[in-house]
Protein backbone atom coordinates (compact mmCIF):
# COMPACT_ATOMS: atom_id res chain seq x y z
CA MET A 1 11.40 25.33 -46.98
CA ASN A 2 8.81 26.73 -44.62
CA THR A 3 6.49 23.94 -45.43
CA LYS A 4 9.15 21.27 -44.69
CA ILE A 5 9.67 22.91 -41.37
CA TRP A 6 5.92 22.92 -40.35
CA ILE A 7 5.57 19.34 -41.44
CA ILE A 8 8.52 18.27 -39.30
CA ILE A 9 7.21 20.30 -36.29
CA GLY A 10 3.76 18.68 -37.11
CA LEU A 11 5.24 15.16 -36.80
CA PHE A 12 7.21 15.79 -33.98
CA ILE A 13 4.09 17.00 -32.10
CA VAL A 14 2.16 13.89 -33.06
CA ILE A 15 4.79 11.68 -31.94
CA CYS A 16 5.26 13.24 -28.68
CA ALA A 17 1.43 13.23 -28.17
CA GLY A 18 1.42 9.42 -29.00
CA ALA A 19 4.33 8.66 -26.45
CA ALA A 20 2.49 10.80 -23.73
CA TYR A 21 -0.65 8.75 -24.43
CA LYS A 22 1.08 5.59 -23.85
CA VAL A 23 2.95 6.84 -20.51
CA PHE A 24 -0.34 8.23 -18.90
CA ALA A 25 -2.93 5.67 -20.43
CA ASN A 26 -2.05 2.92 -17.79
CA GLN A 27 -2.74 5.44 -15.27
CA TYR A 28 -6.35 5.84 -15.93
CA LYS A 29 -7.26 2.30 -17.27
CA GLU A 30 -9.42 0.15 -14.89
CA VAL A 31 -7.78 -2.27 -12.87
CA ASN A 32 -9.41 -5.83 -13.48
CA MET A 33 -9.10 -8.19 -10.69
CA SER A 34 -12.47 -9.63 -10.79
CA ASP A 35 -10.98 -13.32 -10.95
CA LYS A 36 -9.40 -12.61 -7.55
CA LYS A 37 -10.59 -12.49 -3.91
CA ILE A 38 -9.09 -9.35 -2.31
CA LEU A 39 -8.63 -8.32 1.14
CA ILE A 40 -7.56 -4.84 2.13
CA ALA A 41 -6.12 -5.17 5.77
CA TYR A 42 -4.84 -1.96 7.27
CA PHE A 43 -3.95 -0.28 10.71
CA SER A 44 -4.18 3.58 10.76
CA HIS A 45 -3.69 5.62 13.79
CA SER A 46 -4.03 9.16 12.25
CA GLY A 47 -6.36 8.16 9.53
CA ASN A 48 -3.76 8.41 6.57
CA THR A 49 -3.39 4.80 5.94
CA LYS A 50 -7.19 4.37 6.30
CA ALA A 51 -7.69 6.90 3.35
CA ALA A 52 -5.31 5.04 1.29
CA ALA A 53 -6.86 1.73 2.22
CA GLU A 54 -10.29 3.04 1.24
CA LYS A 55 -8.92 4.27 -2.17
CA ILE A 56 -7.75 0.83 -2.90
CA GLN A 57 -10.90 -0.72 -1.93
CA LYS A 58 -12.65 1.71 -4.23
CA ILE A 59 -10.56 0.65 -7.20
CA THR A 60 -10.16 -3.14 -6.49
CA GLY A 61 -13.47 -3.86 -5.14
CA GLY A 62 -11.82 -5.96 -2.14
CA ASP A 63 -13.19 -6.52 1.27
CA LEU A 64 -11.92 -3.86 3.87
CA PHE A 65 -10.40 -5.05 7.32
CA GLU A 66 -9.35 -2.69 9.86
CA ILE A 67 -6.68 -4.10 12.21
CA THR A 68 -7.32 -2.86 15.77
CA PRO A 69 -5.24 -3.27 18.70
CA LYS A 70 -6.91 -4.41 21.99
CA ASN A 71 -5.44 -1.67 23.75
CA PRO A 72 -5.90 1.49 21.72
CA TYR A 73 -2.73 3.75 21.24
CA PRO A 74 -2.82 7.20 22.93
CA LYS A 75 -4.13 10.12 20.71
CA GLU A 76 -1.33 12.50 21.69
CA TYR A 77 1.35 12.47 19.22
CA ASN A 78 4.41 12.18 21.47
CA ALA A 79 2.96 9.60 23.52
CA VAL A 80 2.14 7.36 20.59
CA VAL A 81 5.65 8.01 19.25
CA ASN A 82 7.19 6.85 22.61
CA GLN A 83 5.04 3.70 22.68
CA GLY A 84 5.81 2.77 19.01
CA LYS A 85 9.59 3.12 19.71
CA LEU A 86 9.43 1.03 22.95
CA GLU A 87 7.42 -1.72 21.24
CA LYS A 88 9.95 -1.89 18.46
CA GLU A 89 12.83 -1.84 20.58
CA ASN A 90 11.19 -4.74 22.56
CA ASN A 91 9.87 -6.61 19.60
CA VAL A 92 6.35 -6.33 20.91
CA PHE A 93 3.44 -7.98 19.23
CA PRO A 94 0.36 -6.28 20.67
CA GLU A 95 -2.61 -8.26 21.03
CA LEU A 96 -5.47 -7.43 18.54
CA LYS A 97 -9.33 -7.18 19.01
CA ASN A 98 -9.51 -9.51 16.00
CA ASN A 99 -6.69 -11.30 14.16
CA GLY A 100 -8.77 -11.34 10.82
CA ASN A 101 -8.79 -14.30 8.59
CA THR A 102 -6.76 -14.45 5.37
CA SER A 103 -7.45 -18.07 4.42
CA ASP A 104 -10.41 -16.96 1.86
CA TYR A 105 -8.36 -14.36 -0.05
CA ASP A 106 -5.85 -14.70 -2.95
CA ILE A 107 -4.50 -11.22 -2.64
CA ILE A 108 -4.05 -9.37 0.77
CA PHE A 109 -3.38 -5.82 0.63
CA VAL A 110 -1.40 -4.94 3.91
CA GLY A 111 -1.42 -1.02 5.00
CA THR A 112 0.64 0.57 7.74
CA PRO A 113 1.75 3.87 8.94
CA VAL A 114 5.53 3.75 9.09
CA TRP A 115 6.82 3.83 12.68
CA TRP A 116 10.39 3.98 13.49
CA TYR A 117 11.49 2.95 10.13
CA THR A 118 9.20 -0.03 9.71
CA MET A 119 5.49 -1.25 10.01
CA ALA A 120 3.65 -0.27 13.04
CA PRO A 121 3.36 -3.40 15.59
CA PRO A 122 -0.42 -4.08 15.25
CA VAL A 123 0.58 -4.95 11.64
CA LYS A 124 3.32 -7.19 12.73
CA THR A 125 0.84 -9.17 14.87
CA PHE A 126 -1.86 -9.28 11.98
CA ILE A 127 1.01 -10.78 9.75
CA ALA A 128 2.22 -13.21 12.40
CA LYS A 129 -1.18 -14.49 13.41
CA ASN A 130 -2.37 -15.37 9.85
CA ASN A 131 -1.08 -17.99 7.36
CA PHE A 132 0.26 -16.22 4.08
CA ASN A 133 1.62 -19.63 2.72
CA GLY A 134 1.23 -19.20 -1.22
CA LYS A 135 -0.63 -15.85 -0.86
CA THR A 136 0.31 -12.62 -2.43
CA ILE A 137 0.95 -9.59 -0.26
CA VAL A 138 0.64 -6.07 -1.55
CA PRO A 139 2.04 -3.56 0.98
CA PHE A 140 1.26 -0.07 1.21
CA CYS A 141 2.35 2.35 3.78
CA THR A 142 2.03 6.14 4.71
CA HIS A 143 4.69 8.08 6.32
CA GLY A 144 5.66 11.32 7.61
CA GLY A 145 8.98 12.05 5.72
CA GLY A 146 11.17 9.00 6.15
CA GLY A 147 9.68 6.81 3.19
CA ALA A 148 9.05 3.06 3.43
CA SER A 149 12.38 2.43 4.96
CA SER A 150 12.48 -1.10 5.89
CA THR A 151 8.64 -1.61 6.03
CA TYR A 152 8.36 -4.08 2.99
CA THR A 153 11.49 -6.09 3.75
CA ASP A 154 10.31 -6.60 7.11
CA MET A 155 6.86 -7.92 5.97
CA GLN A 156 8.52 -10.39 3.57
CA LYS A 157 10.52 -11.59 6.71
CA LEU A 158 7.40 -12.12 8.84
CA ALA A 159 5.84 -14.03 5.80
CA PRO A 160 8.36 -15.84 3.94
CA ASP A 161 5.93 -18.22 2.13
CA ALA A 162 4.05 -15.29 0.70
CA LYS A 163 4.92 -13.35 -2.66
CA VAL A 164 5.24 -9.83 -1.43
CA LEU A 165 4.76 -7.27 -4.45
CA ALA A 166 6.27 -3.75 -5.01
CA GLY A 167 4.59 -1.54 -2.27
CA TYR A 168 2.88 1.83 -2.64
CA THR A 169 4.48 4.56 -0.38
CA SER A 170 2.62 7.96 0.16
CA TYR A 171 3.49 10.90 2.10
CA GLU A 172 0.82 11.44 5.04
CA ASN A 173 -2.45 11.68 3.14
CA SER A 174 -1.27 12.24 -0.30
CA ALA A 175 -2.37 8.96 -1.76
CA ALA A 176 -4.08 9.79 -5.11
CA ASP A 177 -6.62 7.56 -7.02
CA GLY A 178 -4.73 7.83 -10.33
CA GLU A 179 -1.29 7.07 -8.58
CA ILE A 180 -2.96 4.15 -7.08
CA LYS A 181 -4.27 2.90 -10.38
CA LYS A 182 -0.99 3.23 -12.05
CA TRP A 183 0.70 1.18 -9.13
CA LEU A 184 -1.79 -1.50 -9.41
CA ASN A 185 -1.42 -1.66 -13.22
CA ASN A 186 2.28 -1.99 -12.95
CA LEU A 187 2.07 -4.94 -10.37
CA LYS A 188 2.43 -8.40 -11.97
CA PHE A 189 -0.32 -10.77 -10.08
């Protein structure tokens, strides 16, 4: 009887280990996008979205492009919060130093902090000023506690002829390489 119990326990452990391997293997396998031309465009005020963009760039090997407003936002937290709120309420598309160019790319990662439940205004301008017809947008965002809110659906509205995939959302600067790899491996390019 004792032998049977140990055999059953042993089989149970082997089955659980196999299941755990299947669950976690995707998280660490290499993401292969070598046949695609990739752009990682992002706006970052505090550095959180920039950190996520750089991790995505390291994994995908894509080109990095920082979306930079012509007139920089204030450094002081309350001032930038108030300006972001006014720009959202007035549907402002702030002028950028460089609108970027998506025409040479198949996949465009678009990164933004979440400001007032949506993408930051400079990201709205970037999407509005570029042609995303037939392109794949892979959104990612950082937030201070409210999640992605309407960020990804608002991106789809601004680029109706693009295929917008499931986004990656991280709290402040918590984006981890393993989580990003897992997210990328689960996307259907």
